[in-house]
PDB file of all heavy atoms in Angstrom:
ATOM      1  N   ALA A   1      -3.181  -0.807   9.025  1.00  0.00           N
ATOM      2  CA  ALA A   1      -1.843  -0.476   9.531  1.00  0.00           C
ATOM      3  C   ALA A   1      -0.811  -1.485   9.057  1.00  0.00           C
ATOM      4  O   ALA A   1       0.308  -1.106   8.644  1.00  0.00           O
ATOM      5  CB  ALA A   1      -1.872  -0.412  11.060  1.00  0.00           C
ATOM      6  N   ARG A   2      -1.152  -2.767   9.079  1.00  0.00           N
ATOM      7  CA  ARG A   2      -0.217  -3.784   8.610  1.00  0.00           C
ATOM      8  C   ARG A   2       0.021  -3.653   7.112  1.00  0.00           C
ATOM      9  O   ARG A   2       1.136  -3.857   6.623  1.00  0.00           O
ATOM     10  CB  ARG A   2      -0.764  -5.170   8.933  1.00  0.00           C
ATOM     11  CG  ARG A   2      -0.836  -5.470  10.423  1.00  0.00           C
ATOM     12  CD  ARG A   2      -1.660  -6.707  10.682  1.00  0.00           C
ATOM     13  NE  ARG A   2      -1.896  -6.920  12.111  1.00  0.00           N
ATOM     14  CZ  ARG A   2      -2.774  -7.790  12.578  1.00  0.00           C
ATOM     15  NH1 ARG A   2      -3.492  -8.543  11.748  1.00  0.00           N
ATOM     16  NH2 ARG A   2      -2.936  -7.922  13.886  1.00  0.00           N
ATOM     17  N   LEU A   3      -1.029  -3.301   6.378  1.00  0.00           N
ATOM     18  CA  LEU A   3      -0.889  -3.115   4.932  1.00  0.00           C
ATOM     19  C   LEU A   3       0.062  -1.966   4.615  1.00  0.00           C
ATOM     20  O   LEU A   3       0.948  -2.089   3.756  1.00  0.00           O
ATOM     21  CB  LEU A   3      -2.267  -2.858   4.325  1.00  0.00           C
ATOM     22  CG  LEU A   3      -2.332  -2.630   2.813  1.00  0.00           C
ATOM     23  CD1 LEU A   3      -1.868  -3.851   2.059  1.00  0.00           C
ATOM     24  CD2 LEU A   3      -3.762  -2.269   2.401  1.00  0.00           C
ATOM     25  N   LYS A   4      -0.071  -0.871   5.325  1.00  0.00           N
ATOM     26  CA  LYS A   4       0.804   0.275   5.089  1.00  0.00           C
ATOM     27  C   LYS A   4       2.234  -0.025   5.510  1.00  0.00           C
ATOM     28  O   LYS A   4       3.189   0.360   4.823  1.00  0.00           O
ATOM     29  CB  LYS A   4       0.270   1.490   5.835  1.00  0.00           C
ATOM     30  CG  LYS A   4       1.015   2.770   5.520  1.00  0.00           C
ATOM     31  CD  LYS A   4       0.341   3.973   6.156  1.00  0.00           C
ATOM     32  CE  LYS A   4       1.087   5.257   5.786  1.00  0.00           C
ATOM     33  NZ  LYS A   4       0.433   6.451   6.389  1.00  0.00           N
ATOM     34  N   ASP A   5       2.399  -0.733   6.647  1.00  0.00           N
ATOM     35  CA  ASP A   5       3.749  -1.079   7.101  1.00  0.00           C
ATOM     36  C   ASP A   5       4.455  -2.000   6.107  1.00  0.00           C
ATOM     37  O   ASP A   5       5.664  -1.880   5.893  1.00  0.00           O
ATOM     38  CB  ASP A   5       3.682  -1.748   8.471  1.00  0.00           C
ATOM     39  CG  ASP A   5       3.240  -0.778   9.554  1.00  0.00           C
ATOM     40  OD1 ASP A   5       3.360   0.448   9.338  1.00  0.00           O
ATOM     41  OD2 ASP A   5       2.755  -1.249  10.605  1.00  0.00           O
ATOM     42  N   SER A   6       3.718  -2.903   5.502  1.00  0.00           N
ATOM     43  CA  SER A   6       4.335  -3.832   4.541  1.00  0.00           C
ATOM     44  C   SER A   6       4.795  -3.120   3.280  1.00  0.00           C
ATOM     45  O   SER A   6       5.748  -3.562   2.626  1.00  0.00           O
ATOM     46  CB  SER A   6       3.350  -4.943   4.184  1.00  0.00           C
ATOM     47  OG  SER A   6       2.229  -4.415   3.484  1.00  0.00           O
ATOM     48  N   LEU A   7       4.140  -1.993   2.952  1.00  0.00           N
ATOM     49  CA  LEU A   7       4.514  -1.258   1.743  1.00  0.00           C
ATOM     50  C   LEU A   7       5.538  -0.162   2.005  1.00  0.00           C
ATOM     51  O   LEU A   7       6.049   0.431   1.058  1.00  0.00           O
ATOM     52  CB  LEU A   7       3.267  -0.640   1.091  1.00  0.00           C
ATOM     53  CG  LEU A   7       2.226  -1.645   0.581  1.00  0.00           C
ATOM     54  CD1 LEU A   7       1.016  -0.915   0.025  1.00  0.00           C
ATOM     55  CD2 LEU A   7       2.832  -2.548  -0.481  1.00  0.00           C
ATOM     56  N   GLU A   8       5.815   0.132   3.261  1.00  0.00           N
ATOM     57  CA  GLU A   8       6.816   1.153   3.574  1.00  0.00           C
ATOM     58  C   GLU A   8       8.202   0.732   3.112  1.00  0.00           C
ATOM     59  O   GLU A   8       9.056   1.574   2.815  1.00  0.00           O
ATOM     60  CB  GLU A   8       6.836   1.431   5.081  1.00  0.00           C
ATOM     61  CG  GLU A   8       5.672   2.252   5.582  1.00  0.00           C
ATOM     62  CD  GLU A   8       5.737   3.696   5.110  1.00  0.00           C
ATOM     63  OE1 GLU A   8       6.804   4.116   4.609  1.00  0.00           O
ATOM     64  OE2 GLU A   8       4.723   4.396   5.240  1.00  0.00           O
ATOM     65  N   ASP A   9       8.433  -0.559   3.044  1.00  0.00           N
ATOM     66  CA  ASP A   9       9.738  -1.079   2.638  1.00  0.00           C
ATOM     67  C   ASP A   9       9.888  -1.110   1.119  1.00  0.00           C
ATOM     68  O   ASP A   9      10.864  -1.628   0.604  1.00  0.00           O
ATOM     69  CB  ASP A   9       9.930  -2.490   3.210  1.00  0.00           C
ATOM     70  CG  ASP A   9      11.369  -2.966   3.062  1.00  0.00           C
ATOM     71  OD1 ASP A   9      12.290  -2.202   3.385  1.00  0.00           O
ATOM     72  OD2 ASP A   9      11.561  -4.109   2.592  1.00  0.00           O
ATOM     73  N   LEU A  10       8.926  -0.534   0.416  1.00  0.00           N
ATOM     74  CA  LEU A  10       8.956  -0.591  -1.048  1.00  0.00           C
ATOM     75  C   LEU A  10      10.150   0.179  -1.620  1.00  0.00           C
ATOM     76  O   LEU A  10      10.678  -0.179  -2.683  1.00  0.00           O
ATOM     77  CB  LEU A  10       7.653  -0.021  -1.603  1.00  0.00           C
ATOM     78  CG  LEU A  10       7.269  -0.387  -3.042  1.00  0.00           C
ATOM     79  CD1 LEU A  10       7.096  -1.888  -3.193  1.00  0.00           C
ATOM     80  CD2 LEU A  10       5.995   0.339  -3.442  1.00  0.00           C
ATOM     81  N   LYS A  11      10.598   1.226  -0.928  1.00  0.00           N
ATOM     82  CA  LYS A  11      11.735   2.009  -1.424  1.00  0.00           C
ATOM     83  C   LYS A  11      13.030   1.219  -1.418  1.00  0.00           C
ATOM     84  O   LYS A  11      13.970   1.550  -2.148  1.00  0.00           O
ATOM     85  CB  LYS A  11      11.901   3.276  -0.590  1.00  0.00           C
ATOM     86  CG  LYS A  11      10.769   4.281  -0.742  1.00  0.00           C
ATOM     87  CD  LYS A  11      11.047   5.529   0.066  1.00  0.00           C
ATOM     88  CE  LYS A  11       9.934   6.546  -0.123  1.00  0.00           C
ATOM     89  NZ  LYS A  11      10.172   7.797   0.656  1.00  0.00           N
ATOM     90  N   ASN A  12      13.093   0.182  -0.590  1.00  0.00           N
ATOM     91  CA  ASN A  12      14.304  -0.634  -0.525  1.00  0.00           C
ATOM     92  C   ASN A  12      14.275  -1.818  -1.470  1.00  0.00           C
ATOM     93  O   ASN A  12      15.193  -2.639  -1.449  1.00  0.00           O
ATOM     94  CB  ASN A  12      14.499  -1.139   0.916  1.00  0.00           C
ATOM     95  CG  ASN A  12      14.653   0.003   1.901  1.00  0.00           C
ATOM     96  OD1 ASN A  12      15.253   1.029   1.583  1.00  0.00           O
ATOM     97  ND2 ASN A  12      14.110  -0.164   3.103  1.00  0.00           N
ATOM     98  N   ASP A  13      13.257  -1.918  -2.269  1.00  0.00           N
ATOM     99  CA  ASP A  13      13.177  -3.015  -3.228  1.00  0.00           C
ATOM    100  C   ASP A  13      14.284  -2.863  -4.266  1.00  0.00           C
ATOM    101  O   ASP A  13      14.451  -1.773  -4.844  1.00  0.00           O
ATOM    102  CB  ASP A  13      11.807  -3.020  -3.914  1.00  0.00           C
ATOM    103  CG  ASP A  13      11.584  -4.274  -4.738  1.00  0.00           C
ATOM    104  OD1 ASP A  13      12.120  -4.336  -5.870  1.00  0.00           O
ATOM    105  OD2 ASP A  13      10.877  -5.174  -4.271  1.00  0.00           O
ATOM    106  N   PRO A  14      15.067  -3.892  -4.522  1.00  0.00           N
ATOM    107  CA  PRO A  14      16.196  -3.744  -5.457  1.00  0.00           C
ATOM    108  C   PRO A  14      15.781  -3.476  -6.894  1.00  0.00           C
ATOM    109  O   PRO A  14      16.563  -2.939  -7.676  1.00  0.00           O
ATOM    110  CB  PRO A  14      16.939  -5.085  -5.336  1.00  0.00           C
ATOM    111  CG  PRO A  14      15.908  -6.046  -4.825  1.00  0.00           C
ATOM    112  CD  PRO A  14      14.990  -5.253  -3.950  1.00  0.00           C
ATOM    113  N   GLU A  15      14.555  -3.834  -7.260  1.00  0.00           N
ATOM    114  CA  GLU A  15      14.131  -3.681  -8.647  1.00  0.00           C
ATOM    115  C   GLU A  15      13.382  -2.377  -8.891  1.00  0.00           C
ATOM    116  O   GLU A  15      13.619  -1.707  -9.897  1.00  0.00           O
ATOM    117  CB  GLU A  15      13.256  -4.872  -9.055  1.00  0.00           C
ATOM    118  CG  GLU A  15      14.002  -6.202  -9.049  1.00  0.00           C
ATOM    119  CD  GLU A  15      13.118  -7.340  -9.519  1.00  0.00           C
ATOM    120  OE1 GLU A  15      11.924  -7.088  -9.803  1.00  0.00           O
ATOM    121  OE2 GLU A  15      13.611  -8.486  -9.596  1.00  0.00           O
ATOM    122  N   VAL A  16      12.480  -2.009  -8.002  1.00  0.00           N
ATOM    123  CA  VAL A  16      11.636  -0.833  -8.240  1.00  0.00           C
ATOM    124  C   VAL A  16      11.830   0.251  -7.195  1.00  0.00           C
ATOM    125  O   VAL A  16      11.134   1.273  -7.239  1.00  0.00           O
ATOM    126  CB  VAL A  16      10.150  -1.252  -8.298  1.00  0.00           C
ATOM    127  CG1 VAL A  16       9.913  -2.246  -9.410  1.00  0.00           C
ATOM    128  CG2 VAL A  16       9.690  -1.795  -6.955  1.00  0.00           C
ATOM    129  N   GLY A  17      12.746   0.057  -6.256  1.00  0.00           N
ATOM    130  CA  GLY A  17      12.922   1.044  -5.196  1.00  0.00           C
ATOM    131  C   GLY A  17      13.278   2.421  -5.713  1.00  0.00           C
ATOM    132  O   GLY A  17      12.790   3.435  -5.192  1.00  0.00           O
ATOM    133  N   ALA A  18      14.105   2.478  -6.747  1.00  0.00           N
ATOM    134  CA  ALA A  18      14.505   3.776  -7.293  1.00  0.00           C
ATOM    135  C   ALA A  18      13.362   4.490  -7.992  1.00  0.00           C
ATOM    136  O   ALA A  18      13.429   5.708  -8.209  1.00  0.00           O
ATOM    137  CB  ALA A  18      15.665   3.591  -8.275  1.00  0.00           C
ATOM    138  N   SER A  19      12.312   3.765  -8.358  1.00  0.00           N
ATOM    139  CA  SER A  19      11.185   4.362  -9.073  1.00  0.00           C
ATOM    140  C   SER A  19      10.122   4.903  -8.141  1.00  0.00           C
ATOM    141  O   SER A  19       9.185   5.555  -8.595  1.00  0.00           O
ATOM    142  CB  SER A  19      10.555   3.328 -10.011  1.00  0.00           C
ATOM    143  OG  SER A  19      11.503   2.833 -10.933  1.00  0.00           O
ATOM    144  N   VAL A  20      10.237   4.624  -6.835  1.00  0.00           N
ATOM    145  CA  VAL A  20       9.258   5.090  -5.857  1.00  0.00           C
ATOM    146  C   VAL A  20       9.618   6.512  -5.431  1.00  0.00           C
ATOM    147  O   VAL A  20      10.715   6.764  -4.951  1.00  0.00           O
ATOM    148  CB  VAL A  20       9.197   4.152  -4.642  1.00  0.00           C
ATOM    149  CG1 VAL A  20       8.210   4.672  -3.619  1.00  0.00           C
ATOM    150  CG2 VAL A  20       8.828   2.744  -5.084  1.00  0.00           C
ATOM    151  N   MET A  21       8.683   7.437  -5.598  1.00  0.00           N
ATOM    152  CA  MET A  21       8.950   8.848  -5.323  1.00  0.00           C
ATOM    153  C   MET A  21       8.191   9.363  -4.106  1.00  0.00           C
ATOM    154  O   MET A  21       8.187  10.562  -3.838  1.00  0.00           O
ATOM    155  CB  MET A  21       8.587   9.690  -6.550  1.00  0.00           C
ATOM    156  CG  MET A  21       9.353   9.316  -7.812  1.00  0.00           C
ATOM    157  SD  MET A  21       8.876  10.304  -9.244  1.00  0.00           S
ATOM    158  CE  MET A  21       9.392  11.946  -8.725  1.00  0.00           C
ATOM    159  N   GLY A  22       7.514   8.494  -3.405  1.00  0.00           N
ATOM    160  CA  GLY A  22       6.773   8.936  -2.226  1.00  0.00           C
ATOM    161  C   GLY A  22       6.413   7.752  -1.345  1.00  0.00           C
ATOM    162  O   GLY A  22       6.653   6.595  -1.682  1.00  0.00           O
ATOM    163  N   SER A  23       5.830   8.058  -0.205  1.00  0.00           N
ATOM    164  CA  SER A  23       5.400   7.007   0.725  1.00  0.00           C
ATOM    165  C   SER A  23       4.016   6.503   0.323  1.00  0.00           C
ATOM    166  O   SER A  23       3.211   7.246  -0.233  1.00  0.00           O
ATOM    167  CB  SER A  23       5.353   7.556   2.153  1.00  0.00           C
ATOM    168  OG  SER A  23       6.638   8.012   2.556  1.00  0.00           O
ATOM    169  N   PRO A  24       3.726   5.244   0.625  1.00  0.00           N
ATOM    170  CA  PRO A  24       2.399   4.720   0.297  1.00  0.00           C
ATOM    171  C   PRO A  24       1.315   5.404   1.119  1.00  0.00           C
ATOM    172  O   PRO A  24       1.518   5.737   2.291  1.00  0.00           O
ATOM    173  CB  PRO A  24       2.523   3.229   0.633  1.00  0.00           C
ATOM    174  CG  PRO A  24       3.655   3.130   1.588  1.00  0.00           C
ATOM    175  CD  PRO A  24       4.605   4.219   1.217  1.00  0.00           C
ATOM    176  N   GLU A  25       0.182   5.627   0.485  1.00  0.00           N
ATOM    177  CA  GLU A  25      -0.950   6.273   1.130  1.00  0.00           C
ATOM    178  C   GLU A  25      -2.165   5.354   1.057  1.00  0.00           C
ATOM    179  O   GLU A  25      -2.509   4.868  -0.017  1.00  0.00           O
ATOM    180  CB  GLU A  25      -1.269   7.609   0.461  1.00  0.00           C
ATOM    181  CG  GLU A  25      -0.143   8.625   0.520  1.00  0.00           C
ATOM    182  CD  GLU A  25      -0.523   9.931  -0.148  1.00  0.00           C
ATOM    183  OE1 GLU A  25      -1.718  10.053  -0.542  1.00  0.00           O
ATOM    184  OE2 GLU A  25       0.339  10.799  -0.291  1.00  0.00           O
ATOM    185  N   VAL A  26      -2.794   5.138   2.196  1.00  0.00           N
ATOM    186  CA  VAL A  26      -4.037   4.377   2.245  1.00  0.00           C
ATOM    187  C   VAL A  26      -5.188   5.377   2.178  1.00  0.00           C
ATOM    188  O   VAL A  26      -5.436   6.127   3.132  1.00  0.00           O
ATOM    189  CB  VAL A  26      -4.122   3.522   3.527  1.00  0.00           C
ATOM    190  CG1 VAL A  26      -5.429   2.745   3.558  1.00  0.00           C
ATOM    191  CG2 VAL A  26      -2.931   2.580   3.615  1.00  0.00           C
ATOM    192  N   LEU A  27      -5.876   5.410   1.055  1.00  0.00           N
ATOM    193  CA  LEU A  27      -6.925   6.403   0.848  1.00  0.00           C
ATOM    194  C   LEU A  27      -8.206   6.059   1.605  1.00  0.00           C
ATOM    195  O   LEU A  27      -9.020   6.942   1.860  1.00  0.00           O
ATOM    196  CB  LEU A  27      -7.226   6.543  -0.643  1.00  0.00           C
ATOM    197  CG  LEU A  27      -6.040   6.957  -1.523  1.00  0.00           C
ATOM    198  CD1 LEU A  27      -6.503   7.169  -2.957  1.00  0.00           C
ATOM    199  CD2 LEU A  27      -5.383   8.218  -0.989  1.00  0.00           C
ATOM    200  N   GLY A  28      -8.391   4.791   1.930  1.00  0.00           N
ATOM    201  CA  GLY A  28      -9.575   4.398   2.676  1.00  0.00           C
ATOM    202  C   GLY A  28     -10.337   3.294   1.980  1.00  0.00           C
ATOM    203  O   GLY A  28      -9.840   2.638   1.055  1.00  0.00           O
ATOM    204  N   VAL A  29     -11.566   3.093   2.436  1.00  0.00           N
ATOM    205  CA  VAL A  29     -12.407   2.021   1.904  1.00  0.00           C
ATOM    206  C   VAL A  29     -12.974   2.457   0.561  1.00  0.00           C
ATOM    207  O   VAL A  29     -13.636   3.489   0.458  1.00  0.00           O
ATOM    208  CB  VAL A  29     -13.533   1.677   2.893  1.00  0.00           C
ATOM    209  CG1 VAL A  29     -14.448   0.612   2.304  1.00  0.00           C
ATOM    210  CG2 VAL A  29     -12.959   1.215   4.220  1.00  0.00           C
ATOM    211  N   GLU A  30     -12.708   1.660  -0.464  1.00  0.00           N
ATOM    212  CA  GLU A  30     -13.169   1.968  -1.814  1.00  0.00           C
ATOM    213  C   GLU A  30     -14.524   1.321  -2.092  1.00  0.00           C
ATOM    214  O   GLU A  30     -15.357   1.903  -2.782  1.00  0.00           O
ATOM    215  CB  GLU A  30     -12.132   1.490  -2.837  1.00  0.00           C
ATOM    216  CG  GLU A  30     -12.434   1.869  -4.268  1.00  0.00           C
ATOM    217  CD  GLU A  30     -12.356   3.367  -4.509  1.00  0.00           C
ATOM    218  OE1 GLU A  30     -11.717   4.068  -3.685  1.00  0.00           O
ATOM    219  OE2 GLU A  30     -12.920   3.848  -5.504  1.00  0.00           O
ATOM    220  N   SER A  31     -14.738   0.119  -1.580  1.00  0.00           N
ATOM    221  CA  SER A  31     -16.021  -0.558  -1.764  1.00  0.00           C
ATOM    222  C   SER A  31     -16.252  -1.505  -0.600  1.00  0.00           C
ATOM    223  O   SER A  31     -15.313  -1.922   0.091  1.00  0.00           O
ATOM    224  CB  SER A  31     -16.062  -1.319  -3.098  1.00  0.00           C
ATOM    225  OG  SER A  31     -15.089  -2.355  -3.118  1.00  0.00           O
ATOM    226  N   LEU A  32     -17.525  -1.858  -0.410  1.00  0.00           N
ATOM    227  CA  LEU A  32     -17.908  -2.687   0.729  1.00  0.00           C
ATOM    228  C   LEU A  32     -18.955  -3.692   0.272  1.00  0.00           C
ATOM    229  O   LEU A  32     -19.974  -3.321  -0.310  1.00  0.00           O
ATOM    230  CB  LEU A  32     -18.464  -1.810   1.851  1.00  0.00           C
ATOM    231  CG  LEU A  32     -18.856  -2.500   3.162  1.00  0.00           C
ATOM    232  CD1 LEU A  32     -17.634  -3.078   3.835  1.00  0.00           C
ATOM    233  CD2 LEU A  32     -19.555  -1.497   4.088  1.00  0.00           C
ATOM    234  N   THR A  33     -18.695  -4.980   0.523  1.00  0.00           N
ATOM    235  CA  THR A  33     -19.637  -6.047   0.199  1.00  0.00           C
ATOM    236  C   THR A  33     -19.815  -6.939   1.416  1.00  0.00           C
ATOM    237  O   THR A  33     -19.182  -6.727   2.458  1.00  0.00           O
ATOM    238  CB  THR A  33     -19.142  -6.879  -0.999  1.00  0.00           C
ATOM    239  OG1 THR A  33     -17.934  -7.566  -0.633  1.00  0.00           O
ATOM    240  CG2 THR A  33     -18.863  -6.000  -2.210  1.00  0.00           C
ATOM    241  N   GLY A  34     -20.660  -7.966   1.271  1.00  0.00           N
ATOM    242  CA  GLY A  34     -20.874  -8.882   2.370  1.00  0.00           C
ATOM    243  C   GLY A  34     -19.716  -9.799   2.637  1.00  0.00           C
ATOM    244  O   GLY A  34     -19.666 -10.470   3.676  1.00  0.00           O
ATOM    245  N   GLU A  35     -18.754  -9.883   1.698  1.00  0.00           N
ATOM    246  CA  GLU A  35     -17.621 -10.780   1.855  1.00  0.00           C
ATOM    247  C   GLU A  35     -16.313 -10.057   2.158  1.00  0.00           C
ATOM    248  O   GLU A  35     -15.410 -10.621   2.764  1.00  0.00           O
ATOM    249  CB  GLU A  35     -17.411 -11.618   0.588  1.00  0.00           C
ATOM    250  CG  GLU A  35     -18.517 -12.606   0.282  1.00  0.00           C
ATOM    251  CD  GLU A  35     -19.691 -11.938  -0.421  1.00  0.00           C
ATOM    252  OE1 GLU A  35     -19.511 -10.815  -0.911  1.00  0.00           O
ATOM    253  OE2 GLU A  35     -20.778 -12.537  -0.467  1.00  0.00           O
ATOM    254  N   SER A  36     -16.163  -8.802   1.697  1.00  0.00           N
ATOM    255  CA  SER A  36     -14.855  -8.149   1.799  1.00  0.00           C
ATOM    256  C   SER A  36     -15.008  -6.650   1.946  1.00  0.00           C
ATOM    257  O   SER A  36     -16.057  -6.065   1.657  1.00  0.00           O
ATOM    258  CB  SER A  36     -14.009  -8.460   0.556  1.00  0.00           C
ATOM    259  OG  SER A  36     -14.617  -7.891  -0.597  1.00  0.00           O
ATOM    260  N   VAL A  37     -13.912  -6.051   2.385  1.00  0.00           N
ATOM    261  CA  VAL A  37     -13.760  -4.597   2.440  1.00  0.00           C
ATOM    262  C   VAL A  37     -12.567  -4.244   1.561  1.00  0.00           C
ATOM    263  O   VAL A  37     -11.443  -4.680   1.842  1.00  0.00           O
ATOM    264  CB  VAL A  37     -13.525  -4.116   3.891  1.00  0.00           C
ATOM    265  CG1 VAL A  37     -13.342  -2.601   3.917  1.00  0.00           C
ATOM    266  CG2 VAL A  37     -14.667  -4.540   4.787  1.00  0.00           C
ATOM    267  N   THR A  38     -12.793  -3.504   0.499  1.00  0.00           N
ATOM    268  CA  THR A  38     -11.733  -3.164  -0.447  1.00  0.00           C
ATOM    269  C   THR A  38     -11.113  -1.834  -0.070  1.00  0.00           C
ATOM    270  O   THR A  38     -11.810  -0.815   0.017  1.00  0.00           O
ATOM    271  CB  THR A  38     -12.280  -3.093  -1.882  1.00  0.00           C
ATOM    272  OG1 THR A  38     -12.877  -4.354  -2.226  1.00  0.00           O
ATOM    273  CG2 THR A  38     -11.164  -2.786  -2.871  1.00  0.00           C
ATOM    274  N   VAL A  39      -9.810  -1.855   0.179  1.00  0.00           N
ATOM    275  CA  VAL A  39      -9.062  -0.674   0.586  1.00  0.00           C
ATOM    276  C   VAL A  39      -8.155  -0.262  -0.566  1.00  0.00           C
ATOM    277  O   VAL A  39      -7.477  -1.099  -1.162  1.00  0.00           O
ATOM    278  CB  VAL A  39      -8.225  -0.954   1.856  1.00  0.00           C
ATOM    279  CG1 VAL A  39      -7.391   0.261   2.228  1.00  0.00           C
ATOM    280  CG2 VAL A  39      -9.143  -1.347   3.003  1.00  0.00           C
TER     281      VAL A  39
END
């Protein structure tokens, strides 16, 4: 949730905001190891 909230402000970025055509989507867990969870 914090990751998605931090990227919601991407449209207001002065450099790349105009290039964003949609909201960020968290697809889920891509890989799982003993040290990390990759989202």
